[in-house]
Amino acid sequence: AHVELNTITYNAALSACAKGGQWDQALRLLVEMASTRGELNTITYAAAVSACAKGRLWDQALRLLIDMASAHVELNTITYNAAVSA
C-alpha cells in the first residue's frame, strides 16, 4: 500500500520519533519535509522540539523556536514547555 507523504503523515512520524526518543530521525524528517515543500506548522515544530528535549539538545530546540518565529509559525505553550524541558 502506498502512503501519501503530507503534513499529517510527517507530523505523525515526527510525533512517534519524539515519543521514542529518536531525535536524530525526527530532525532528518523535518529537513526532508522542508525540502519537499511540506507545510511545517505548530504541530510539526512541537514534535521536533519534543524530540530534541528527549535528547537534551537544548541548543537545537532553541534553534527550532527561532526558525518557527522566522517562518511566522505560531509558538504555543506546548512548544515553549518542550524547549524549556530540553
N, C-alpha and C. Protein backbone atom coordinates (compact mmCIF):
# COMPACT_ATOMS: atom_id res chain seq x y z
N ALA A 1 0.84 -1.18 0.00
CA ALA A 1 0.00 0.00 0.00
C ALA A 1 0.88 1.24 0.00
N HIS A 2 0.45 2.23 -0.72
CA HIS A 2 1.18 3.49 -0.83
C HIS A 2 0.62 4.49 0.18
N VAL A 3 1.50 5.08 0.96
CA VAL A 3 1.10 6.09 1.93
C VAL A 3 1.51 7.45 1.37
N GLU A 4 0.55 8.34 1.28
CA GLU A 4 0.84 9.68 0.77
C GLU A 4 1.60 10.47 1.83
N LEU A 5 2.73 11.05 1.41
CA LEU A 5 3.50 11.87 2.32
C LEU A 5 2.96 13.29 2.29
N ASN A 6 2.38 13.70 3.40
CA ASN A 6 1.84 15.05 3.52
C ASN A 6 2.09 15.54 4.95
N THR A 7 1.59 16.69 5.25
CA THR A 7 1.84 17.27 6.58
C THR A 7 1.35 16.34 7.69
N ILE A 8 0.22 15.73 7.50
CA ILE A 8 -0.35 14.84 8.54
C ILE A 8 0.53 13.62 8.76
N THR A 9 0.97 12.98 7.69
CA THR A 9 1.79 11.78 7.86
C THR A 9 3.17 12.14 8.42
N TYR A 10 3.74 13.25 7.96
CA TYR A 10 5.02 13.68 8.53
C TYR A 10 4.87 14.00 10.01
N ASN A 11 3.81 14.71 10.38
CA ASN A 11 3.61 15.05 11.79
C ASN A 11 3.45 13.79 12.65
N ALA A 12 2.75 12.80 12.13
CA ALA A 12 2.59 11.55 12.86
C ALA A 12 3.94 10.86 13.06
N ALA A 13 4.74 10.86 12.02
CA ALA A 13 6.07 10.24 12.12
C ALA A 13 6.96 11.02 13.08
N LEU A 14 6.92 12.34 13.02
CA LEU A 14 7.70 13.17 13.94
C LEU A 14 7.27 12.94 15.39
N SER A 15 5.98 12.85 15.62
CA SER A 15 5.48 12.60 16.97
C SER A 15 5.94 11.24 17.48
N ALA A 16 5.92 10.24 16.61
CA ALA A 16 6.39 8.91 17.00
C ALA A 16 7.87 8.95 17.35
N CYS A 17 8.65 9.68 16.56
CA CYS A 17 10.08 9.82 16.86
C CYS A 17 10.29 10.51 18.20
N ALA A 18 9.51 11.55 18.46
CA ALA A 18 9.63 12.27 19.73
C ALA A 18 9.32 11.35 20.90
N LYS A 19 8.23 10.61 20.79
CA LYS A 19 7.84 9.70 21.88
C LYS A 19 8.87 8.60 22.09
N GLY A 20 9.53 8.19 21.00
CA GLY A 20 10.54 7.13 21.09
C GLY A 20 11.94 7.62 21.37
N GLY A 21 12.10 8.94 21.54
CA GLY A 21 13.41 9.48 21.82
C GLY A 21 14.36 9.47 20.63
N GLN A 22 13.81 9.39 19.45
CA GLN A 22 14.62 9.32 18.23
C GLN A 22 14.80 10.72 17.64
N TRP A 23 15.51 11.58 18.36
CA TRP A 23 15.67 12.96 17.94
C TRP A 23 16.38 13.08 16.60
N ASP A 24 17.37 12.21 16.36
CA ASP A 24 18.11 12.30 15.10
C ASP A 24 17.22 12.00 13.90
N GLN A 25 16.37 11.00 14.03
CA GLN A 25 15.43 10.67 12.95
C GLN A 25 14.39 11.78 12.80
N ALA A 26 13.95 12.35 13.90
CA ALA A 26 12.97 13.44 13.83
C ALA A 26 13.54 14.63 13.07
N LEU A 27 14.79 14.98 13.34
CA LEU A 27 15.40 16.10 12.65
C LEU A 27 15.60 15.79 11.17
N ARG A 28 15.93 14.55 10.84
CA ARG A 28 16.04 14.16 9.42
C ARG A 28 14.69 14.30 8.72
N LEU A 29 13.63 13.87 9.39
CA LEU A 29 12.29 14.00 8.81
C LEU A 29 11.91 15.47 8.62
N LEU A 30 12.27 16.31 9.57
CA LEU A 30 11.96 17.73 9.47
C LEU A 30 12.65 18.34 8.25
N VAL A 31 13.92 18.00 8.05
CA VAL A 31 14.67 18.50 6.90
C VAL A 31 14.04 17.98 5.61
N GLU A 32 13.69 16.69 5.60
CA GLU A 32 13.06 16.10 4.42
C GLU A 32 11.73 16.79 4.11
N MET A 33 10.96 17.02 5.15
CA MET A 33 9.66 17.67 4.97
C MET A 33 9.82 19.08 4.40
N ALA A 34 10.77 19.83 4.94
CA ALA A 34 11.02 21.18 4.46
C ALA A 34 11.50 21.18 3.01
N SER A 35 12.30 20.20 2.65
CA SER A 35 12.84 20.16 1.29
C SER A 35 11.81 19.72 0.26
N THR A 36 10.75 19.07 0.71
CA THR A 36 9.69 18.65 -0.22
C THR A 36 8.54 19.64 -0.21
N ARG A 37 8.79 20.80 0.36
CA ARG A 37 7.81 21.88 0.43
C ARG A 37 6.57 21.51 1.24
N GLY A 38 6.76 20.65 2.22
CA GLY A 38 5.66 20.34 3.12
C GLY A 38 5.38 21.53 4.01
N GLU A 39 4.17 21.60 4.51
CA GLU A 39 3.79 22.72 5.38
C GLU A 39 4.23 22.42 6.81
N LEU A 40 5.25 23.12 7.26
CA LEU A 40 5.71 22.98 8.63
C LEU A 40 4.83 23.87 9.50
N ASN A 41 4.08 23.26 10.40
CA ASN A 41 3.16 24.01 11.24
C ASN A 41 3.52 23.86 12.71
N THR A 42 2.68 24.37 13.57
CA THR A 42 2.94 24.32 15.01
C THR A 42 3.12 22.88 15.49
N ILE A 43 2.30 21.98 15.00
CA ILE A 43 2.39 20.57 15.39
C ILE A 43 3.72 19.98 14.96
N THR A 44 4.14 20.30 13.75
CA THR A 44 5.41 19.81 13.22
C THR A 44 6.56 20.23 14.13
N TYR A 45 6.63 21.52 14.38
CA TYR A 45 7.72 22.03 15.21
C TYR A 45 7.64 21.52 16.64
N ALA A 46 6.43 21.42 17.19
CA ALA A 46 6.28 20.93 18.57
C ALA A 46 6.83 19.52 18.69
N ALA A 47 6.56 18.68 17.71
CA ALA A 47 7.08 17.30 17.74
C ALA A 47 8.59 17.30 17.64
N ALA A 48 9.14 18.13 16.77
CA ALA A 48 10.60 18.19 16.61
C ALA A 48 11.27 18.73 17.87
N VAL A 49 10.67 19.77 18.47
CA VAL A 49 11.22 20.33 19.71
C VAL A 49 11.13 19.29 20.83
N SER A 50 10.05 18.55 20.89
CA SER A 50 9.90 17.50 21.90
C SER A 50 10.97 16.42 21.72
N ALA A 51 11.25 16.06 20.49
CA ALA A 51 12.29 15.07 20.22
C ALA A 51 13.65 15.60 20.69
N CYS A 52 13.91 16.87 20.44
CA CYS A 52 15.16 17.47 20.90
C CYS A 52 15.23 17.49 22.43
N ALA A 53 14.10 17.75 23.05
CA ALA A 53 14.06 17.76 24.52
C ALA A 53 14.41 16.39 25.08
N LYS A 54 13.88 15.34 24.46
CA LYS A 54 14.20 13.98 24.93
C LYS A 54 15.68 13.69 24.78
N GLY A 55 16.31 14.28 23.76
CA GLY A 55 17.74 14.09 23.54
C GLY A 55 18.61 15.10 24.26
N ARG A 56 17.99 15.97 25.07
CA ARG A 56 18.68 17.01 25.82
C ARG A 56 19.45 17.96 24.90
N LEU A 57 18.89 18.22 23.74
CA LEU A 57 19.50 19.11 22.76
C LEU A 57 18.88 20.51 22.87
N TRP A 58 19.17 21.20 23.95
CA TRP A 58 18.54 22.50 24.19
C TRP A 58 18.89 23.50 23.09
N ASP A 59 20.12 23.42 22.56
CA ASP A 59 20.52 24.37 21.52
C ASP A 59 19.73 24.17 20.23
N GLN A 60 19.48 22.91 19.88
CA GLN A 60 18.70 22.62 18.68
C GLN A 60 17.23 22.99 18.91
N ALA A 61 16.73 22.75 20.11
CA ALA A 61 15.34 23.13 20.43
C ALA A 61 15.17 24.63 20.32
N LEU A 62 16.13 25.39 20.81
CA LEU A 62 16.09 26.85 20.70
C LEU A 62 16.14 27.28 19.24
N ARG A 63 16.99 26.63 18.45
CA ARG A 63 17.10 26.93 17.02
C ARG A 63 15.75 26.72 16.33
N LEU A 64 15.05 25.65 16.70
CA LEU A 64 13.74 25.39 16.10
C LEU A 64 12.72 26.46 16.48
N LEU A 65 12.79 26.97 17.72
CA LEU A 65 11.89 28.06 18.12
C LEU A 65 12.17 29.31 17.29
N ILE A 66 13.44 29.58 17.07
CA ILE A 66 13.81 30.73 16.24
C ILE A 66 13.32 30.53 14.81
N ASP A 67 13.49 29.31 14.29
CA ASP A 67 13.00 29.00 12.94
C ASP A 67 11.49 29.19 12.85
N MET A 68 10.78 28.76 13.89
CA MET A 68 9.32 28.92 13.91
C MET A 68 8.95 30.39 13.80
N ALA A 69 9.58 31.21 14.62
CA ALA A 69 9.28 32.64 14.62
C ALA A 69 9.61 33.25 13.26
N SER A 70 10.72 32.86 12.68
CA SER A 70 11.12 33.38 11.36
C SER A 70 10.13 32.98 10.27
N ALA A 71 9.56 31.79 10.41
CA ALA A 71 8.61 31.29 9.42
C ALA A 71 7.18 31.74 9.73
N HIS A 72 7.01 32.55 10.78
CA HIS A 72 5.70 33.04 11.20
C HIS A 72 4.75 31.89 11.54
N VAL A 73 5.31 30.86 12.18
CA VAL A 73 4.51 29.75 12.67
C VAL A 73 4.21 30.04 14.14
N GLU A 74 2.96 29.85 14.52
CA GLU A 74 2.53 30.17 15.88
C GLU A 74 3.26 29.32 16.92
N LEU A 75 3.89 30.00 17.86
CA LEU A 75 4.50 29.31 19.01
C LEU A 75 3.43 29.18 20.08
N ASN A 76 3.37 28.04 20.73
CA ASN A 76 2.35 27.84 21.76
C ASN A 76 2.98 27.28 23.03
N THR A 77 2.16 27.07 24.01
CA THR A 77 2.62 26.57 25.31
C THR A 77 3.34 25.24 25.17
N ILE A 78 2.86 24.38 24.31
CA ILE A 78 3.47 23.06 24.14
C ILE A 78 4.90 23.18 23.63
N THR A 79 5.11 24.04 22.63
CA THR A 79 6.46 24.18 22.09
C THR A 79 7.40 24.86 23.11
N TYR A 80 6.89 25.86 23.82
CA TYR A 80 7.71 26.50 24.84
C TYR A 80 8.07 25.51 25.95
N ASN A 81 7.10 24.75 26.43
CA ASN A 81 7.36 23.78 27.50
C ASN A 81 8.36 22.72 27.06
N ALA A 82 8.23 22.26 25.82
CA ALA A 82 9.16 21.25 25.31
C ALA A 82 10.57 21.83 25.24
N ALA A 83 10.69 23.07 24.79
CA ALA A 83 12.01 23.69 24.70
C ALA A 83 12.62 23.89 26.08
N VAL A 84 11.81 24.30 27.04
CA VAL A 84 12.32 24.50 28.40
C VAL A 84 12.79 23.18 29.01
N SER A 85 12.11 22.10 28.70
CA SER A 85 12.50 20.80 29.26
C SER A 85 13.75 20.24 28.62
N ALA A 86 14.18 20.83 27.49
CA ALA A 86 15.44 20.37 26.86
C ALA A 86 16.62 20.82 27.70
